[in-house]
Amino acid sequence: MSENKLGDLDDGMKSRRDVLVVGAKTVAATAFASTLGSRGVLAQSNTNSLGKIMDTKAFVYTEVQINVPFEKAPWGDVNRAIKEQPGFINKTWLAGVKTNSLGGIYAFDSIENAQKFVTGYFPAEAGGFGAAHNTRIFDATLVKDASLDIGSPHFGVAPRQKPGAFVYTEVQVNAPFANAPWQERNPVLKQQKGLLAKTWLSGLHTNTIGGIDAFDTLENATSFALETFPQTAKRMNAAFYTRVFDASLTEEASRDMYSPFFV
């Protein structure tokens, strides 16, 4: 795509973004006013979250089917609108490797607020880009112990270092997480080259099993996604979904959203 076309796309997105942000603020005003005090505490807690366990009850994964270099994404406008959504705790932005897709992994204070987000606000946001999208909700309460055991910042474990990449995985199985052998799996994952932390994911209503994994480098993340994880899915005799994201591109935007990976 030429620079002129990219510039036109960026300008168009910004204008749609302005309309979307105004609409989102209007819709969320009442809820935001009633939760402002507690949200202020959450924001402060998230920026000082080392050693603390956050009150996360649900995770949301999103990805918008668009090709936009992250430096051209209007993330400032998007961040302001998302911060006003009921129950929002934090977001880590995700920038697709080779695809330039835009997405994120979010923490919410309840399943109900996560559902409101994916059925209300987010379709309008993706529509502002004129793009199809993918959303998933995960029950965070089920995976807390397993995630803490493997250093998840989403539950307050201090990051060892800034991640260079993220890998999202989801296996097409129906397996209640209570029966998942994470105690056997975690020691193996801890030996994975470059793995810094993992947040386990358990699909709401589907019981799919997956994770958002932080890696030190894009090279190690890609190796895991292309070589290691397919073998895991093969042993489970299941189809799977993997995505690799460049964390170095999204640090500033993620910090602004209280990302636990960039404290």
Protein backbone atom coordinates (compact mmCIF):
# COMPACT_ATOMS: atom_id res chain seq x y z
CA MET A 1 0.00 0.00 0.00
CA SER A 2 1.42 3.45 -0.91
CA GLU A 3 2.20 6.14 1.65
CA ASN A 4 -0.59 8.30 0.23
CA LYS A 5 -3.13 5.52 0.64
CA LEU A 6 -1.89 4.80 4.15
CA GLY A 7 -2.25 8.47 4.98
CA ASP A 8 -5.77 8.55 3.58
CA LEU A 9 -6.64 5.43 5.57
CA ASP A 10 -5.24 6.96 8.72
CA ASP A 11 -7.21 10.17 8.24
CA GLY A 12 -10.37 8.23 7.53
CA MET A 13 -9.95 6.10 10.61
CA LYS A 14 -9.40 9.15 12.75
CA SER A 15 -12.58 10.79 11.54
CA ARG A 16 -14.57 7.61 12.18
CA ARG A 17 -12.78 7.30 15.48
CA ASP A 18 -13.94 10.78 16.55
CA VAL A 19 -17.56 9.85 15.90
CA LEU A 20 -17.17 6.53 17.68
CA VAL A 21 -15.54 8.02 20.76
CA VAL A 22 -18.31 10.59 21.17
CA GLY A 23 -20.92 7.84 20.89
CA ALA A 24 -19.11 5.58 23.32
CA LYS A 25 -18.82 8.37 25.87
CA THR A 26 -22.51 9.12 25.64
CA VAL A 27 -23.50 5.49 26.10
CA ALA A 28 -21.08 4.93 28.97
CA ALA A 29 -21.58 8.22 30.84
CA THR A 30 -24.04 6.96 33.45
CA ALA A 31 -22.12 3.79 34.21
CA PHE A 32 -18.84 5.66 34.27
CA ALA A 33 -20.13 8.22 36.76
CA SER A 34 -21.27 5.51 39.14
CA THR A 35 -17.95 3.66 39.00
CA LEU A 36 -15.52 6.56 38.76
CA GLY A 37 -14.31 6.25 42.34
CA SER A 38 -13.58 2.55 42.19
CA ARG A 39 -12.08 2.85 38.69
CA GLY A 40 -9.66 5.48 39.96
CA VAL A 41 -8.50 3.02 42.61
CA LEU A 42 -8.16 0.29 39.97
CA ALA A 43 -6.06 2.51 37.74
CA GLN A 44 -3.72 3.33 40.60
CA SER A 45 -3.58 -0.32 41.64
CA ASN A 46 -2.75 -1.50 38.13
CA THR A 47 0.17 0.90 37.77
CA ASN A 48 1.51 -0.36 41.10
CA SER A 49 0.49 -3.99 40.72
CA LEU A 50 3.73 -5.79 41.57
CA GLY A 51 3.05 -8.48 44.12
CA LYS A 52 -0.69 -7.79 44.12
CA ILE A 53 -3.54 -9.97 42.93
CA MET A 54 -5.93 -8.00 40.75
CA ASP A 55 -9.65 -8.51 40.95
CA THR A 56 -9.92 -9.95 37.47
CA LYS A 57 -12.91 -12.18 36.73
CA ALA A 58 -12.84 -12.26 32.92
CA PHE A 59 -10.47 -11.86 30.00
CA VAL A 60 -11.43 -10.67 26.53
CA TYR A 61 -9.39 -11.30 23.40
CA THR A 62 -10.00 -9.16 20.33
CA GLU A 63 -8.53 -8.89 16.86
CA VAL A 64 -9.72 -6.62 14.06
CA GLN A 65 -9.30 -7.81 10.46
CA ILE A 66 -7.38 -4.81 9.23
CA ASN A 67 -3.89 -4.04 7.92
CA VAL A 68 -2.67 -0.91 9.68
CA PRO A 69 0.91 -0.38 10.90
CA PHE A 70 0.56 0.25 14.62
CA GLU A 71 2.21 3.67 14.47
CA LYS A 72 -0.70 4.77 12.28
CA ALA A 73 -3.39 3.35 14.57
CA PRO A 74 -5.43 5.98 16.49
CA TRP A 75 -4.80 4.20 19.78
CA GLY A 76 -5.06 7.33 21.90
CA ASP A 77 -8.70 7.89 20.93
CA VAL A 78 -9.48 4.21 21.30
CA ASN A 79 -7.88 4.08 24.75
CA ARG A 80 -9.92 7.01 26.03
CA ALA A 81 -13.17 5.34 24.94
CA ILE A 82 -12.29 1.91 26.34
CA LYS A 83 -11.32 3.32 29.73
CA GLU A 84 -14.93 4.40 30.13
CA GLN A 85 -16.37 0.93 29.64
CA PRO A 86 -17.96 -0.62 32.76
CA GLY A 87 -15.69 -3.03 34.59
CA PHE A 88 -12.58 -2.38 32.49
CA ILE A 89 -9.34 -3.07 34.38
CA ASN A 90 -6.55 -3.16 31.80
CA LYS A 91 -5.63 -3.86 28.20
CA THR A 92 -2.49 -5.02 26.47
CA TRP A 93 -2.48 -4.00 22.83
CA LEU A 94 -1.63 -6.65 20.22
CA ALA A 95 -0.10 -5.85 16.82
CA GLY A 96 -0.14 -8.74 14.38
CA VAL A 97 3.17 -9.88 12.92
CA LYS A 98 3.10 -9.70 9.09
CA THR A 99 -0.63 -8.89 9.13
CA ASN A 100 -0.67 -5.53 10.99
CA SER A 101 -3.95 -6.58 12.57
CA LEU A 102 -5.02 -4.67 15.69
CA GLY A 103 -6.25 -6.34 18.85
CA GLY A 104 -5.81 -6.77 22.54
CA ILE A 105 -6.12 -8.87 25.66
CA TYR A 106 -8.33 -7.18 28.28
CA ALA A 107 -9.12 -7.80 31.93
CA PHE A 108 -12.62 -7.13 33.31
CA ASP A 109 -14.09 -7.24 36.78
CA SER A 110 -16.97 -9.56 35.80
CA ILE A 111 -18.18 -11.88 33.07
CA GLU A 112 -21.24 -9.65 32.67
CA ASN A 113 -19.17 -6.55 31.91
CA ALA A 114 -16.99 -8.52 29.50
CA GLN A 115 -20.16 -9.62 27.69
CA LYS A 116 -21.41 -6.05 27.49
CA PHE A 117 -18.08 -5.02 25.98
CA VAL A 118 -18.03 -7.65 23.23
CA THR A 119 -21.71 -7.24 22.33
CA GLY A 120 -21.98 -3.47 22.68
CA TYR A 121 -18.91 -1.29 22.48
CA PHE A 122 -16.48 -3.45 20.52
CA PRO A 123 -18.60 -4.17 17.43
CA ALA A 124 -19.03 -0.42 17.06
CA GLU A 125 -15.29 0.12 17.42
CA ALA A 126 -14.46 -2.47 14.74
CA GLY A 127 -17.22 -1.04 12.57
CA GLY A 128 -15.51 2.34 12.82
CA PHE A 129 -12.61 0.76 10.95
CA GLY A 130 -14.97 -0.84 8.43
CA ALA A 131 -13.57 -4.23 9.39
CA ALA A 132 -14.73 -7.64 10.60
CA HIS A 133 -13.44 -8.75 13.97
CA ASN A 134 -12.89 -11.66 16.35
CA THR A 135 -13.75 -11.62 20.07
CA ARG A 136 -13.47 -14.26 22.79
CA ILE A 137 -14.42 -14.23 26.49
CA PHE A 138 -12.57 -16.32 29.06
CA ASP A 139 -13.37 -17.08 32.69
CA ALA A 140 -10.41 -15.76 34.67
CA THR A 141 -11.43 -17.27 37.99
CA LEU A 142 -10.84 -20.79 36.68
CA VAL A 143 -7.25 -20.18 35.62
CA LYS A 144 -5.91 -18.08 38.50
CA ASP A 145 -3.85 -20.79 40.23
CA ALA A 146 -2.46 -22.19 36.99
CA SER A 147 -1.52 -18.72 35.77
CA LEU A 148 0.09 -17.67 39.03
CA ASP A 149 2.21 -20.82 38.90
CA ILE A 150 3.71 -19.69 35.61
CA GLY A 151 4.25 -16.03 36.42
CA SER A 152 1.18 -14.32 35.00
CA PRO A 153 1.29 -10.51 35.45
CA HIS A 154 -2.50 -10.55 35.03
CA PHE A 155 -2.70 -11.87 38.58
CA GLY A 156 -0.05 -9.60 40.04
CA VAL A 157 3.25 -11.42 39.44
CA ALA A 158 6.02 -8.90 38.80
CA PRO A 159 7.28 -9.15 35.20
CA ARG A 160 10.88 -10.29 34.96
CA GLN A 161 11.45 -8.09 31.93
CA LYS A 162 9.54 -6.36 29.18
CA PRO A 163 8.17 -8.82 26.62
CA GLY A 164 9.33 -8.68 23.04
CA ALA A 165 6.38 -10.66 21.70
CA PHE A 166 3.09 -12.29 22.62
CA VAL A 167 1.59 -15.55 21.39
CA TYR A 168 -2.14 -16.21 21.59
CA THR A 169 -3.24 -19.85 21.48
CA GLU A 170 -6.58 -21.60 21.59
CA VAL A 171 -7.24 -25.32 21.11
CA GLN A 172 -10.57 -26.51 19.73
CA VAL A 173 -11.51 -28.83 22.56
CA ASN A 174 -14.27 -28.87 25.16
CA ALA A 175 -12.32 -29.50 28.34
CA PRO A 176 -13.40 -27.93 31.65
CA PHE A 177 -10.31 -26.28 33.09
CA ALA A 178 -10.77 -28.02 36.43
CA ASN A 179 -9.83 -31.23 34.60
CA ALA A 180 -6.93 -29.74 32.64
CA PRO A 181 -3.51 -31.17 33.56
CA TRP A 182 -1.87 -27.79 33.98
CA GLN A 183 0.26 -29.06 36.89
CA GLU A 184 2.01 -31.34 34.39
CA ARG A 185 2.02 -28.83 31.55
CA ASN A 186 3.45 -25.83 33.41
CA PRO A 187 6.83 -27.42 34.24
CA VAL A 188 7.26 -28.22 30.55
CA LEU A 189 6.32 -24.70 29.51
CA LYS A 190 8.74 -23.23 32.03
CA GLN A 191 11.53 -24.88 30.02
CA GLN A 192 10.34 -23.28 26.77
CA LYS A 193 13.04 -21.04 25.36
CA GLY A 194 12.28 -17.37 25.93
CA LEU A 195 8.97 -17.83 27.74
CA LEU A 196 8.54 -15.10 30.37
CA ALA A 197 4.99 -15.74 31.56
CA LYS A 198 1.71 -17.34 30.62
CA THR A 199 -1.89 -16.45 31.37
CA TRP A 200 -4.06 -19.51 30.87
CA LEU A 201 -7.40 -19.01 29.11
CA SER A 202 -10.59 -21.05 29.54
CA GLY A 203 -13.33 -20.31 27.03
CA LEU A 204 -16.66 -19.12 28.39
CA HIS A 205 -19.43 -21.61 27.41
CA THR A 206 -16.96 -23.50 25.18
CA ASN A 207 -14.29 -24.77 27.61
CA THR A 208 -11.61 -24.24 24.99
CA ILE A 209 -8.10 -24.14 26.42
CA GLY A 210 -5.50 -21.56 25.45
CA GLY A 211 -3.29 -18.80 26.67
CA ILE A 212 -1.60 -15.48 26.15
CA ASP A 213 2.12 -16.13 26.42
CA ALA A 214 4.80 -13.46 26.80
CA PHE A 215 8.21 -14.10 25.20
CA ASP A 216 11.51 -12.29 25.37
CA THR A 217 11.96 -12.08 21.61
CA LEU A 218 9.89 -12.32 18.47
CA GLU A 219 12.15 -15.13 17.28
CA ASN A 220 11.39 -17.32 20.29
CA ALA A 221 7.68 -16.53 20.12
CA THR A 222 7.56 -17.50 16.46
CA SER A 223 9.41 -20.74 17.12
CA PHE A 224 6.88 -21.67 19.79
CA ALA A 225 3.90 -20.84 17.57
CA LEU A 226 5.20 -22.60 14.47
CA GLU A 227 7.08 -25.58 15.88
CA THR A 228 6.29 -26.36 19.51
CA PHE A 229 2.62 -25.61 19.93
CA PRO A 230 1.42 -27.54 16.83
CA GLN A 231 2.92 -30.67 18.37
CA THR A 232 0.95 -30.04 21.58
CA ALA A 233 -2.28 -29.71 19.61
CA LYS A 234 -1.45 -32.84 17.63
CA ARG A 235 -1.14 -34.86 20.82
CA MET A 236 -4.60 -33.56 21.76
CA ASN A 237 -5.88 -34.52 18.28
CA ALA A 238 -7.41 -31.07 17.95
CA ALA A 239 -7.46 -28.09 15.62
CA PHE A 240 -5.92 -24.94 17.03
CA TYR A 241 -5.52 -21.20 16.58
CA THR A 242 -2.26 -19.30 17.05
CA ARG A 243 -1.30 -15.67 16.55
CA VAL A 244 2.02 -13.91 17.05
CA PHE A 245 2.21 -10.25 18.06
CA ASP A 246 5.10 -7.78 18.23
CA ALA A 247 5.10 -6.36 21.77
CA SER A 248 7.78 -3.77 21.03
CA LEU A 249 5.33 -1.79 18.89
CA THR A 250 2.61 -1.48 21.51
CA GLU A 251 4.42 -0.67 24.76
CA GLU A 252 3.38 2.99 24.98
CA ALA A 253 -0.25 2.29 24.09
CA SER A 254 -0.37 -0.62 26.53
CA ARG A 255 1.16 1.37 29.36
CA ASP A 256 -1.57 3.94 28.89
CA MET A 257 -4.09 1.12 29.45
CA TYR A 258 -2.44 -0.11 32.67
CA SER A 259 -1.05 -3.25 31.02
CA PRO A 260 0.45 -5.52 33.71
CA PHE A 261 3.22 -6.48 31.29
CA PHE A 262 4.63 -2.93 31.22
CA VAL A 263 4.56 -1.71 34.82
